[in-house]
Amino acid sequence: MPAELREHAGRHYAVQFHYALPDGSWAVELSEAVPAPDAWAEIPNAETHLPGAAFLVAFVPDEDPGLEPTVHIHSHDEHVIPYEIMHWFMELVADQVDRCRIAFEQGEPAAVE
């Protein structure tokens, strides 16, 4: 699934969405982006960065409106997350929560836009 990328203060970050079947939730992952392979430089419109290992993951339930979204920290190392990046991530999480709740009310499966 495509990732949303953002640069801040010379560092690259990625947010990626996928469905976590065992959790019955959408996973919204924040990672520091890593450079794309050098071979991609010759491909028109190829991404220059790709998602790295996620260090924050928000789980947004879409099957049970009684379950609350949660944020999990997945890191063995310390990560400093700039406020602007954390705000961007949480806005994307909030949008996914809204989509899931609306879809549940309408009896449709939630999706990522």
PDB file of N, CA and C in Angstrom:
ATOM      1  N   MET A   1       0.851  -1.175   0.000  1.00  0.00           N
ATOM      2  CA  MET A   1       0.000   0.000   0.000  1.00  0.00           C
ATOM      3  C   MET A   1       0.892   1.233   0.000  1.00  0.00           C
ATOM      4  N   PRO A   2       0.581   2.239  -0.799  1.00  0.00           N
ATOM      5  CA  PRO A   2       1.422   3.433  -0.858  1.00  0.00           C
ATOM      6  C   PRO A   2       1.498   4.121   0.503  1.00  0.00           C
ATOM      7  N   ALA A   3       2.597   4.781   0.694  1.00  0.00           N
ATOM      8  CA  ALA A   3       2.818   5.511   1.945  1.00  0.00           C
ATOM      9  C   ALA A   3       2.731   6.998   1.675  1.00  0.00           C
ATOM     10  N   GLU A   4       2.409   7.731   2.718  1.00  0.00           N
ATOM     11  CA  GLU A   4       2.481   9.181   2.650  1.00  0.00           C
ATOM     12  C   GLU A   4       3.825   9.574   3.231  1.00  0.00           C
ATOM     13  N   LEU A   5       4.546  10.425   2.510  1.00  0.00           N
ATOM     14  CA  LEU A   5       5.888  10.824   2.920  1.00  0.00           C
ATOM     15  C   LEU A   5       5.924  12.303   3.252  1.00  0.00           C
ATOM     16  N   ARG A   6       6.790  12.642   4.192  1.00  0.00           N
ATOM     17  CA  ARG A   6       6.961  14.046   4.567  1.00  0.00           C
ATOM     18  C   ARG A   6       8.393  14.249   5.028  1.00  0.00           C
ATOM     19  N   GLU A   7       8.946  15.402   4.650  1.00  0.00           N
ATOM     20  CA  GLU A   7      10.278  15.778   5.102  1.00  0.00           C
ATOM     21  C   GLU A   7      10.152  16.857   6.167  1.00  0.00           C
ATOM     22  N   HIS A   8      10.979  16.761   7.180  1.00  0.00           N
ATOM     23  CA  HIS A   8      10.993  17.773   8.237  1.00  0.00           C
ATOM     24  C   HIS A   8      12.427  17.907   8.743  1.00  0.00           C
ATOM     25  N   ALA A   9      12.960  19.096   8.668  1.00  0.00           N
ATOM     26  CA  ALA A   9      14.305  19.408   9.177  1.00  0.00           C
ATOM     27  C   ALA A   9      15.350  18.433   8.613  1.00  0.00           C
ATOM     28  N   GLY A  10      15.227  18.120   7.322  1.00  0.00           N
ATOM     29  CA  GLY A  10      16.205  17.270   6.666  1.00  0.00           C
ATOM     30  C   GLY A  10      16.022  15.774   6.879  1.00  0.00           C
ATOM     31  N   ARG A  11      15.016  15.377   7.632  1.00  0.00           N
ATOM     32  CA  ARG A  11      14.734  13.953   7.843  1.00  0.00           C
ATOM     33  C   ARG A  11      13.431  13.617   7.134  1.00  0.00           C
ATOM     34  N   HIS A  12      13.320  12.374   6.709  1.00  0.00           N
ATOM     35  CA  HIS A  12      12.130  11.921   5.990  1.00  0.00           C
ATOM     36  C   HIS A  12      11.343  10.952   6.865  1.00  0.00           C
ATOM     37  N   TYR A  13      10.020  11.109   6.820  1.00  0.00           N
ATOM     38  CA  TYR A  13       9.119  10.264   7.606  1.00  0.00           C
ATOM     39  C   TYR A  13       8.070   9.686   6.668  1.00  0.00           C
ATOM     40  N   ALA A  14       7.509   8.549   7.078  1.00  0.00           N
ATOM     41  CA  ALA A  14       6.481   7.890   6.268  1.00  0.00           C
ATOM     42  C   ALA A  14       5.339   7.436   7.165  1.00  0.00           C
ATOM     43  N   VAL A  15       4.133   7.527   6.639  1.00  0.00           N
ATOM     44  CA  VAL A  15       2.958   6.944   7.283  1.00  0.00           C
ATOM     45  C   VAL A  15       2.375   5.961   6.288  1.00  0.00           C
ATOM     46  N   GLN A  16       2.150   4.754   6.774  1.00  0.00           N
ATOM     47  CA  GLN A  16       1.636   3.684   5.931  1.00  0.00           C
ATOM     48  C   GLN A  16       0.410   3.080   6.601  1.00  0.00           C
ATOM     49  N   PHE A  17      -0.586   2.727   5.803  1.00  0.00           N
ATOM     50  CA  PHE A  17      -1.828   2.123   6.288  1.00  0.00           C
ATOM     51  C   PHE A  17      -1.897   0.680   5.814  1.00  0.00           C
ATOM     52  N   HIS A  18      -2.345  -0.211   6.672  1.00  0.00           N
ATOM     53  CA  HIS A  18      -2.654  -1.574   6.249  1.00  0.00           C
ATOM     54  C   HIS A  18      -3.657  -2.156   7.233  1.00  0.00           C
ATOM     55  N   TYR A  19      -4.321  -3.205   6.796  1.00  0.00           N
ATOM     56  CA  TYR A  19      -5.309  -3.832   7.667  1.00  0.00           C
ATOM     57  C   TYR A  19      -4.637  -4.930   8.477  1.00  0.00           C
ATOM     58  N   ALA A  20      -4.787  -4.862   9.792  1.00  0.00           N
ATOM     59  CA  ALA A  20      -4.222  -5.859  10.704  1.00  0.00           C
ATOM     60  C   ALA A  20      -5.324  -6.851  11.030  1.00  0.00           C
ATOM     61  N   LEU A  21      -5.401  -7.900  10.257  1.00  0.00           N
ATOM     62  CA  LEU A  21      -6.484  -8.872  10.377  1.00  0.00           C
ATOM     63  C   LEU A  21      -6.629  -9.459  11.782  1.00  0.00           C
ATOM     64  N   PRO A  22      -5.538  -9.874  12.434  1.00  0.00           N
ATOM     65  CA  PRO A  22      -5.714 -10.462  13.772  1.00  0.00           C
ATOM     66  C   PRO A  22      -6.336  -9.487  14.777  1.00  0.00           C
ATOM     67  N   ASP A  23      -6.108  -8.195  14.565  1.00  0.00           N
ATOM     68  CA  ASP A  23      -6.637  -7.184  15.482  1.00  0.00           C
ATOM     69  C   ASP A  23      -7.994  -6.649  15.042  1.00  0.00           C
ATOM     70  N   GLY A  24      -8.426  -6.976  13.827  1.00  0.00           N
ATOM     71  CA  GLY A  24      -9.672  -6.422  13.313  1.00  0.00           C
ATOM     72  C   GLY A  24      -9.628  -4.906  13.277  1.00  0.00           C
ATOM     73  N   SER A  25      -8.468  -4.378  12.878  1.00  0.00           N
ATOM     74  CA  SER A  25      -8.243  -2.934  12.914  1.00  0.00           C
ATOM     75  C   SER A  25      -7.376  -2.496  11.743  1.00  0.00           C
ATOM     76  N   TRP A  26      -7.507  -1.228  11.430  1.00  0.00           N
ATOM     77  CA  TRP A  26      -6.564  -0.598  10.514  1.00  0.00           C
ATOM     78  C   TRP A  26      -5.339  -0.211  11.319  1.00  0.00           C
ATOM     79  N   ALA A  27      -4.160  -0.485  10.784  1.00  0.00           N
ATOM     80  CA  ALA A  27      -2.908  -0.073  11.408  1.00  0.00           C
ATOM     81  C   ALA A  27      -2.386   1.135  10.637  1.00  0.00           C
ATOM     82  N   VAL A  28      -2.078   2.186  11.368  1.00  0.00           N
ATOM     83  CA  VAL A  28      -1.500   3.395  10.792  1.00  0.00           C
ATOM     84  C   VAL A  28      -0.096   3.483  11.390  1.00  0.00           C
ATOM     85  N   GLU A  29       0.924   3.330  10.551  1.00  0.00           N
ATOM     86  CA  GLU A  29       2.297   3.208  11.031  1.00  0.00           C
ATOM     87  C   GLU A  29       3.120   4.446  10.699  1.00  0.00           C
ATOM     88  N   LEU A  30       3.862   4.914  11.690  1.00  0.00           N
ATOM     89  CA  LEU A  30       4.806   6.021  11.491  1.00  0.00           C
ATOM     90  C   LEU A  30       6.215   5.448  11.544  1.00  0.00           C
ATOM     91  N   SER A  31       7.023   5.817  10.545  1.00  0.00           N
ATOM     92  CA  SER A  31       8.416   5.381  10.516  1.00  0.00           C
ATOM     93  C   SER A  31       9.278   6.494   9.958  1.00  0.00           C
ATOM     94  N   GLU A  32      10.568   6.341  10.177  1.00  0.00           N
ATOM     95  CA  GLU A  32      11.501   7.214   9.486  1.00  0.00           C
ATOM     96  C   GLU A  32      11.713   6.581   8.119  1.00  0.00           C
ATOM     97  N   ALA A  33      11.592   7.359   7.071  1.00  0.00           N
ATOM     98  CA  ALA A  33      11.722   6.825   5.719  1.00  0.00           C
ATOM     99  C   ALA A  33      13.192   6.582   5.400  1.00  0.00           C
ATOM    100  N   VAL A  34      13.418   5.577   4.571  1.00  0.00           N
ATOM    101  CA  VAL A  34      14.775   5.221   4.148  1.00  0.00           C
ATOM    102  C   VAL A  34      14.897   5.486   2.650  1.00  0.00           C
ATOM    103  N   PRO A  35      16.112   5.775   2.184  1.00  0.00           N
ATOM    104  CA  PRO A  35      16.280   6.033   0.744  1.00  0.00           C
ATOM    105  C   PRO A  35      15.884   4.824  -0.098  1.00  0.00           C
ATOM    106  N   ALA A  36      15.268   5.115  -1.221  1.00  0.00           N
ATOM    107  CA  ALA A  36      14.907   4.066  -2.182  1.00  0.00           C
ATOM    108  C   ALA A  36      16.194   3.518  -2.813  1.00  0.00           C
ATOM    109  N   PRO A  37      16.133   2.319  -3.362  1.00  0.00           N
ATOM    110  CA  PRO A  37      17.319   1.754  -4.020  1.00  0.00           C
ATOM    111  C   PRO A  37      17.836   2.670  -5.131  1.00  0.00           C
ATOM    112  N   ASP A  38      19.148   2.714  -5.301  1.00  0.00           N
ATOM    113  CA  ASP A  38      19.762   3.558  -6.333  1.00  0.00           C
ATOM    114  C   ASP A  38      19.215   3.264  -7.719  1.00  0.00           C
ATOM    115  N   ALA A  39      18.865   2.020  -7.981  1.00  0.00           N
ATOM    116  CA  ALA A  39      18.355   1.635  -9.301  1.00  0.00           C
ATOM    117  C   ALA A  39      17.053   2.355  -9.641  1.00  0.00           C
ATOM    118  N   TRP A  40      16.334   2.804  -8.628  1.00  0.00           N
ATOM    119  CA  TRP A  40      15.072   3.498  -8.876  1.00  0.00           C
ATOM    120  C   TRP A  40      15.279   4.900  -9.446  1.00  0.00           C
ATOM    121  N   ALA A  41      16.473   5.432  -9.352  1.00  0.00           N
ATOM    122  CA  ALA A  41      16.746   6.797  -9.817  1.00  0.00           C
ATOM    123  C   ALA A  41      16.453   6.959 -11.296  1.00  0.00           C
ATOM    124  N   GLU A  42      16.557   5.874 -12.055  1.00  0.00           N
ATOM    125  CA  GLU A  42      16.311   5.928 -13.491  1.00  0.00           C
ATOM    126  C   GLU A  42      14.836   5.759 -13.848  1.00  0.00           C
ATOM    127  N   ILE A  43      14.003   5.449 -12.878  1.00  0.00           N
ATOM    128  CA  ILE A  43      12.581   5.224 -13.130  1.00  0.00           C
ATOM    129  C   ILE A  43      11.832   6.546 -12.966  1.00  0.00           C
ATOM    130  N   PRO A  44      11.124   6.983 -13.996  1.00  0.00           N
ATOM    131  CA  PRO A  44      10.377   8.243 -13.883  1.00  0.00           C
ATOM    132  C   PRO A  44       9.328   8.168 -12.768  1.00  0.00           C
ATOM    133  N   ASN A  45       9.219   9.220 -12.005  1.00  0.00           N
ATOM    134  CA  ASN A  45       8.238   9.376 -10.925  1.00  0.00           C
ATOM    135  C   ASN A  45       8.382   8.348  -9.807  1.00  0.00           C
ATOM    136  N   ALA A  46       9.512   7.694  -9.716  1.00  0.00           N
ATOM    137  CA  ALA A  46       9.726   6.717  -8.640  1.00  0.00           C
ATOM    138  C   ALA A  46       9.926   7.468  -7.319  1.00  0.00           C
ATOM    139  N   GLU A  47       9.499   6.842  -6.250  1.00  0.00           N
ATOM    140  CA  GLU A  47       9.690   7.417  -4.919  1.00  0.00           C
ATOM    141  C   GLU A  47      11.181   7.491  -4.600  1.00  0.00           C
ATOM    142  N   THR A  48      11.568   8.514  -3.867  1.00  0.00           N
ATOM    143  CA  THR A  48      12.968   8.639  -3.453  1.00  0.00           C
ATOM    144  C   THR A  48      13.198   8.031  -2.079  1.00  0.00           C
ATOM    145  N   HIS A  49      12.109   7.823  -1.334  1.00  0.00           N
ATOM    146  CA  HIS A  49      12.186   7.226  -0.007  1.00  0.00           C
ATOM    147  C   HIS A  49      11.056   6.213   0.168  1.00  0.00           C
ATOM    148  N   LEU A  50      11.310   5.249   1.046  1.00  0.00           N
ATOM    149  CA  LEU A  50      10.330   4.210   1.359  1.00  0.00           C
ATOM    150  C   LEU A  50      10.157   4.130   2.862  1.00  0.00           C
ATOM    151  N   PRO A  51       9.017   3.614   3.337  1.00  0.00           N
ATOM    152  CA  PRO A  51       8.841   3.467   4.789  1.00  0.00           C
ATOM    153  C   PRO A  51       9.913   2.561   5.387  1.00  0.00           C
ATOM    154  N   GLY A  52      10.373   2.932   6.556  1.00  0.00           N
ATOM    155  CA  GLY A  52      11.300   2.086   7.300  1.00  0.00           C
ATOM    156  C   GLY A  52      10.512   1.278   8.313  1.00  0.00           C
ATOM    157  N   ALA A  53      11.206   0.817   9.326  1.00  0.00           N
ATOM    158  CA  ALA A  53      10.547   0.050  10.391  1.00  0.00           C
ATOM    159  C   ALA A  53       9.689   0.991  11.230  1.00  0.00           C
ATOM    160  N   ALA A  54       8.437   0.609  11.438  1.00  0.00           N
ATOM    161  CA  ALA A  54       7.500   1.457  12.189  1.00  0.00           C
ATOM    162  C   ALA A  54       7.916   1.552  13.647  1.00  0.00           C
ATOM    163  N   PHE A  55       7.866   2.779  14.189  1.00  0.00           N
ATOM    164  CA  PHE A  55       8.129   2.942  15.620  1.00  0.00           C
ATOM    165  C   PHE A  55       6.900   3.394  16.382  1.00  0.00           C
ATOM    166  N   LEU A  56       5.876   3.844  15.692  1.00  0.00           N
ATOM    167  CA  LEU A  56       4.568   4.125  16.293  1.00  0.00           C
ATOM    168  C   LEU A  56       3.514   3.483  15.404  1.00  0.00           C
ATOM    169  N   VAL A  57       2.577   2.778  16.024  1.00  0.00           N
ATOM    170  CA  VAL A  57       1.492   2.159  15.260  1.00  0.00           C
ATOM    171  C   VAL A  57       0.186   2.440  15.985  1.00  0.00           C
ATOM    172  N   ALA A  58      -0.738   3.076  15.272  1.00  0.00           N
ATOM    173  CA  ALA A  58      -2.086   3.298  15.806  1.00  0.00           C
ATOM    174  C   ALA A  58      -2.979   2.215  15.226  1.00  0.00           C
ATOM    175  N   PHE A  59      -3.737   1.553  16.092  1.00  0.00           N
ATOM    176  CA  PHE A  59      -4.706   0.557  15.657  1.00  0.00           C
ATOM    177  C   PHE A  59      -6.092   1.168  15.774  1.00  0.00           C
ATOM    178  N   VAL A  60      -6.808   1.181  14.652  1.00  0.00           N
ATOM    179  CA  VAL A  60      -8.132   1.791  14.582  1.00  0.00           C
ATOM    180  C   VAL A  60      -9.140   0.686  14.281  1.00  0.00           C
ATOM    181  N   PRO A  61      -9.901   0.231  15.305  1.00  0.00           N
ATOM    182  CA  PRO A  61     -10.887  -0.835  15.081  1.00  0.00           C
ATOM    183  C   PRO A  61     -11.977  -0.377  14.114  1.00  0.00           C
ATOM    184  N   ASP A  62     -12.364  -1.270  13.206  1.00  0.00           N
ATOM    185  CA  ASP A  62     -13.427  -0.902  12.267  1.00  0.00           C
ATOM    186  C   ASP A  62     -14.624  -1.840  12.351  1.00  0.00           C
ATOM    187  N   GLU A  63     -14.575  -2.815  13.244  1.00  0.00           N
ATOM    188  CA  GLU A  63     -15.685  -3.769  13.347  1.00  0.00           C
ATOM    189  C   GLU A  63     -16.496  -3.607  14.620  1.00  0.00           C
ATOM    190  N   ASP A  64     -15.937  -2.975  15.625  1.00  0.00           N
ATOM    191  CA  ASP A  64     -16.611  -2.811  16.913  1.00  0.00           C
ATOM    192  C   ASP A  64     -16.464  -1.369  17.372  1.00  0.00           C
ATOM    193  N   PRO A  65     -17.535  -0.569  17.281  1.00  0.00           N
ATOM    194  CA  PRO A  65     -17.428   0.840  17.657  1.00  0.00           C
ATOM    195  C   PRO A  65     -17.169   1.032  19.148  1.00  0.00           C
ATOM    196  N   GLY A  66     -17.317  -0.012  19.942  1.00  0.00           N
ATOM    197  CA  GLY A  66     -17.049   0.087  21.367  1.00  0.00           C
ATOM    198  C   GLY A  66     -15.569   0.036  21.706  1.00  0.00           C
ATOM    199  N   LEU A  67     -14.751  -0.415  20.746  1.00  0.00           N
ATOM    200  CA  LEU A  67     -13.311  -0.469  20.976  1.00  0.00           C
ATOM    201  C   LEU A  67     -12.679   0.875  20.636  1.00  0.00           C
ATOM    202  N   GLU A  68     -11.759   1.304  21.472  1.00  0.00           N
ATOM    203  CA  GLU A  68     -11.083   2.578  21.233  1.00  0.00           C
ATOM    204  C   GLU A  68      -9.822   2.381  20.414  1.00  0.00           C
ATOM    205  N   PRO A  69      -9.494   3.354  19.584  1.00  0.00           N
ATOM    206  CA  PRO A  69      -8.202   3.311  18.905  1.00  0.00           C
ATOM    207  C   PRO A  69      -7.085   3.393  19.957  1.00  0.00           C
ATOM    208  N   THR A  70      -5.973   2.760  19.654  1.00  0.00           N
ATOM    209  CA  THR A  70      -4.825   2.779  20.554  1.00  0.00           C
ATOM    210  C   THR A  70      -3.561   3.082  19.767  1.00  0.00           C
ATOM    211  N   VAL A  71      -2.555   3.598  20.450  1.00  0.00           N
ATOM    212  CA  VAL A  71      -1.251   3.848  19.835  1.00  0.00           C
ATOM    213  C   VAL A  71      -0.232   3.003  20.577  1.00  0.00           C
ATOM    214  N   HIS A  72       0.551   2.252  19.809  1.00  0.00           N
ATOM    215  CA  HIS A  72       1.566   1.364  20.371  1.00  0.00           C
ATOM    216  C   HIS A  72       2.946   1.865  19.969  1.00  0.00           C
ATOM    217  N   ILE A  73       3.882   1.799  20.876  1.00  0.00           N
ATOM    218  CA  ILE A  73       5.257   2.178  20.597  1.00  0.00           C
ATOM    219  C   ILE A  73       6.028   0.901  20.302  1.00  0.00           C
ATOM    220  N   HIS A  74       6.621   0.836  19.121  1.00  0.00           N
ATOM    221  CA  HIS A  74       7.367  -0.343  18.678  1.00  0.00           C
ATOM    222  C   HIS A  74       8.806   0.079  18.419  1.00  0.00           C
ATOM    223  N   SER A  75       9.595   0.190  19.476  1.00  0.00           N
ATOM    224  CA  SER A  75      10.955   0.632  19.279  1.00  0.00           C
ATOM    225  C   SER A  75      11.838   0.177  20.427  1.00  0.00           C
ATOM    226  N   HIS A  76      13.017  -0.266  20.066  1.00  0.00           N
ATOM    227  CA  HIS A  76      14.010  -0.596  21.076  1.00  0.00           C
ATOM    228  C   HIS A  76      14.950   0.587  21.281  1.00  0.00           C
ATOM    229  N   ASP A  77      14.974   1.483  20.326  1.00  0.00           N
ATOM    230  CA  ASP A  77      15.812   2.669  20.391  1.00  0.00           C
ATOM    231  C   ASP A  77      14.959   3.887  20.717  1.00  0.00           C
ATOM    232  N   GLU A  78      15.605   4.906  21.183  1.00  0.00           N
ATOM    233  CA  GLU A  78      14.896   6.162  21.440  1.00  0.00           C
ATOM    234  C   GLU A  78      14.691   6.894  20.117  1.00  0.00           C
ATOM    235  N   HIS A  79      13.493   7.380  19.906  1.00  0.00           N
ATOM    236  CA  HIS A  79      13.185   8.173  18.718  1.00  0.00           C
ATOM    237  C   HIS A  79      12.662   9.527  19.179  1.00  0.00           C
ATOM    238  N   VAL A  80      13.210  10.565  18.598  1.00  0.00           N
ATOM    239  CA  VAL A  80      12.701  11.911  18.845  1.00  0.00           C
ATOM    240  C   VAL A  80      11.791  12.237  17.671  1.00  0.00           C
ATOM    241  N   ILE A  81      10.545  12.514  17.986  1.00  0.00           N
ATOM    242  CA  ILE A  81       9.568  12.802  16.942  1.00  0.00           C
ATOM    243  C   ILE A  81       9.213  14.279  17.020  1.00  0.00           C
ATOM    244  N   PRO A  82       9.529  15.043  15.995  1.00  0.00           N
ATOM    245  CA  PRO A  82       9.182  16.465  16.011  1.00  0.00           C
ATOM    246  C   PRO A  82       7.663  16.653  16.130  1.00  0.00           C
ATOM    247  N   TYR A  83       7.282  17.726  16.805  1.00  0.00           N
ATOM    248  CA  TYR A  83       5.862  18.005  17.017  1.00  0.00           C
ATOM    249  C   TYR A  83       5.102  18.007  15.699  1.00  0.00           C
ATOM    250  N   GLU A  84       5.650  18.653  14.678  1.00  0.00           N
ATOM    251  CA  GLU A  84       4.944  18.751  13.386  1.00  0.00           C
ATOM    252  C   GLU A  84       4.665  17.361  12.806  1.00  0.00           C
ATOM    253  N   ILE A  85       5.617  16.440  12.945  1.00  0.00           N
ATOM    254  CA  ILE A  85       5.444  15.082  12.429  1.00  0.00           C
ATOM    255  C   ILE A  85       4.416  14.327  13.267  1.00  0.00           C
ATOM    256  N   MET A  86       4.481  14.473  14.583  1.00  0.00           N
ATOM    257  CA  MET A  86       3.506  13.803  15.450  1.00  0.00           C
ATOM    258  C   MET A  86       2.103  14.338  15.176  1.00  0.00           C
ATOM    259  N   HIS A  87       1.978  15.624  14.954  1.00  0.00           N
ATOM    260  CA  HIS A  87       0.681  16.234  14.643  1.00  0.00           C
ATOM    261  C   HIS A  87       0.143  15.685  13.321  1.00  0.00           C
ATOM    262  N   TRP A  88       0.994  15.607  12.310  1.00  0.00           N
ATOM    263  CA  TRP A  88       0.618  15.051  11.004  1.00  0.00           C
ATOM    264  C   TRP A  88       0.148  13.609  11.156  1.00  0.00           C
ATOM    265  N   PHE A  89       0.908  12.800  11.889  1.00  0.00           N
ATOM    266  CA  PHE A  89       0.544  11.409  12.123  1.00  0.00           C
ATOM    267  C   PHE A  89      -0.813  11.311  12.814  1.00  0.00           C
ATOM    268  N   MET A  90      -1.013  12.074  13.872  1.00  0.00           N
ATOM    269  CA  MET A  90      -2.264  11.998  14.622  1.00  0.00           C
ATOM    270  C   MET A  90      -3.455  12.510  13.806  1.00  0.00           C
ATOM    271  N   GLU A  91      -3.231  13.471  12.911  1.00  0.00           N
ATOM    272  CA  GLU A  91      -4.308  13.906  12.013  1.00  0.00           C
ATOM    273  C   GLU A  91      -4.720  12.755  11.092  1.00  0.00           C
ATOM    274  N   LEU A  92      -3.743  12.015  10.564  1.00  0.00           N
ATOM    275  CA  LEU A  92      -4.053  10.875   9.703  1.00  0.00           C
ATOM    276  C   LEU A  92      -4.774   9.783  10.486  1.00  0.00           C
ATOM    277  N   VAL A  93      -4.369   9.572  11.737  1.00  0.00           N
ATOM    278  CA  VAL A  93      -5.057   8.598  12.591  1.00  0.00           C
ATOM    279  C   VAL A  93      -6.498   9.053  12.831  1.00  0.00           C
ATOM    280  N   ALA A  94      -6.682  10.327  13.164  1.00  0.00           N
ATOM    281  CA  ALA A  94      -8.025  10.854  13.422  1.00  0.00           C
ATOM    282  C   ALA A  94      -8.915  10.720  12.184  1.00  0.00           C
ATOM    283  N   ASP A  95      -8.355  10.971  11.005  1.00  0.00           N
ATOM    284  CA  ASP A  95      -9.127  10.801   9.764  1.00  0.00           C
ATOM    285  C   ASP A  95      -9.545   9.343   9.577  1.00  0.00           C
ATOM    286  N   GLN A  96      -8.648   8.417   9.899  1.00  0.00           N
ATOM    287  CA  GLN A  96      -8.982   7.001   9.767  1.00  0.00           C
ATOM    288  C   GLN A  96     -10.052   6.597  10.776  1.00  0.00           C
ATOM    289  N   VAL A  97      -9.982   7.133  11.999  1.00  0.00           N
ATOM    290  CA  VAL A  97     -11.016   6.867  13.006  1.00  0.00           C
ATOM    291  C   VAL A  97     -12.370   7.342  12.480  1.00  0.00           C
ATOM    292  N   ASP A  98     -12.402   8.560  11.929  1.00  0.00           N
ATOM    293  CA  ASP A  98     -13.657   9.097  11.383  1.00  0.00           C
ATOM    294  C   ASP A  98     -14.196   8.211  10.264  1.00  0.00           C
ATOM    295  N   ARG A  99     -13.319   7.798   9.331  1.00  0.00           N
ATOM    296  CA  ARG A  99     -13.764   6.941   8.218  1.00  0.00           C
ATOM    297  C   ARG A  99     -14.332   5.619   8.735  1.00  0.00           C
ATOM    298  N   CYS A 100     -13.655   5.028   9.712  1.00  0.00           N
ATOM    299  CA  CYS A 100     -14.124   3.741  10.248  1.00  0.00           C
ATOM    300  C   CYS A 100     -15.470   3.890  10.945  1.00  0.00           C
ATOM    301  N   ARG A 101     -15.637   4.955  11.705  1.00  0.00           N
ATOM    302  CA  ARG A 101     -16.904   5.155  12.422  1.00  0.00           C
ATOM    303  C   ARG A 101     -18.049   5.440  11.459  1.00  0.00           C
ATOM    304  N   ILE A 102     -17.802   6.236  10.446  1.00  0.00           N
ATOM    305  CA  ILE A 102     -18.838   6.522   9.447  1.00  0.00           C
ATOM    306  C   ILE A 102     -19.201   5.247   8.699  1.00  0.00           C
ATOM    307  N   ALA A 103     -18.188   4.478   8.290  1.00  0.00           N
ATOM    308  CA  ALA A 103     -18.447   3.228   7.560  1.00  0.00           C
ATOM    309  C   ALA A 103     -19.231   2.249   8.422  1.00  0.00           C
ATOM    310  N   PHE A 104     -18.904   2.177   9.715  1.00  0.00           N
ATOM    311  CA  PHE A 104     -19.627   1.268  10.604  1.00  0.00           C
ATOM    312  C   PHE A 104     -21.099   1.673  10.697  1.00  0.00           C
ATOM    313  N   GLU A 105     -21.344   2.983  10.831  1.00  0.00           N
ATOM    314  CA  GLU A 105     -22.723   3.480  10.913  1.00  0.00           C
ATOM    315  C   GLU A 105     -23.498   3.179   9.636  1.00  0.00           C
ATOM    316  N   GLN A 106     -22.811   3.201   8.496  1.00  0.00           N
ATOM    317  CA  GLN A 106     -23.459   2.949   7.220  1.00  0.00           C
ATOM    318  C   GLN A 106     -23.451   1.473   6.830  1.00  0.00           C
ATOM    319  N   GLY A 107     -22.825   0.647   7.678  1.00  0.00           N
ATOM    320  CA  GLY A 107     -22.784  -0.783   7.409  1.00  0.00           C
ATOM    321  C   GLY A 107     -21.861  -1.176   6.281  1.00  0.00           C
ATOM    322  N   GLU A 108     -20.823  -0.354   6.045  1.00  0.00           N
ATOM    323  CA  GLU A 108     -19.864  -0.617   4.969  1.00  0.00           C
ATOM    324  C   GLU A 108     -18.491  -0.858   5.573  1.00  0.00           C
ATOM    325  N   PRO A 109     -17.621  -1.589   4.868  1.00  0.00           N
ATOM    326  CA  PRO A 109     -16.248  -1.737   5.347  1.00  0.00           C
ATOM    327  C   PRO A 109     -15.495  -0.418   5.196  1.00  0.00           C
ATOM    328  N   ALA A 110     -14.684  -0.102   6.190  1.00  0.00           N
ATOM    329  CA  ALA A 110     -13.882   1.135   6.119  1.00  0.00           C
ATOM    330  C   ALA A 110     -12.698   0.921   5.193  1.00  0.00           C
ATOM    331  N   ALA A 111     -12.292   1.982   4.564  1.00  0.00           N
ATOM    332  CA  ALA A 111     -11.147   1.906   3.662  1.00  0.00           C
ATOM    333  C   ALA A 111     -10.275   3.130   3.875  1.00  0.00           C
ATOM    334  N   VAL A 112      -9.095   3.060   3.340  1.00  0.00           N
ATOM    335  CA  VAL A 112      -8.183   4.188   3.364  1.00  0.00           C
ATOM    336  C   VAL A 112      -8.369   4.938   2.056  1.00  0.00           C
ATOM    337  N   GLU A 113      -8.453   6.241   2.139  1.00  0.00           N
ATOM    338  CA  GLU A 113      -8.625   7.043   0.925  1.00  0.00           C
ATOM    339  C   GLU A 113      -7.301   7.342   0.288  1.00  0.00           C
TER     340      GLU A 113
END
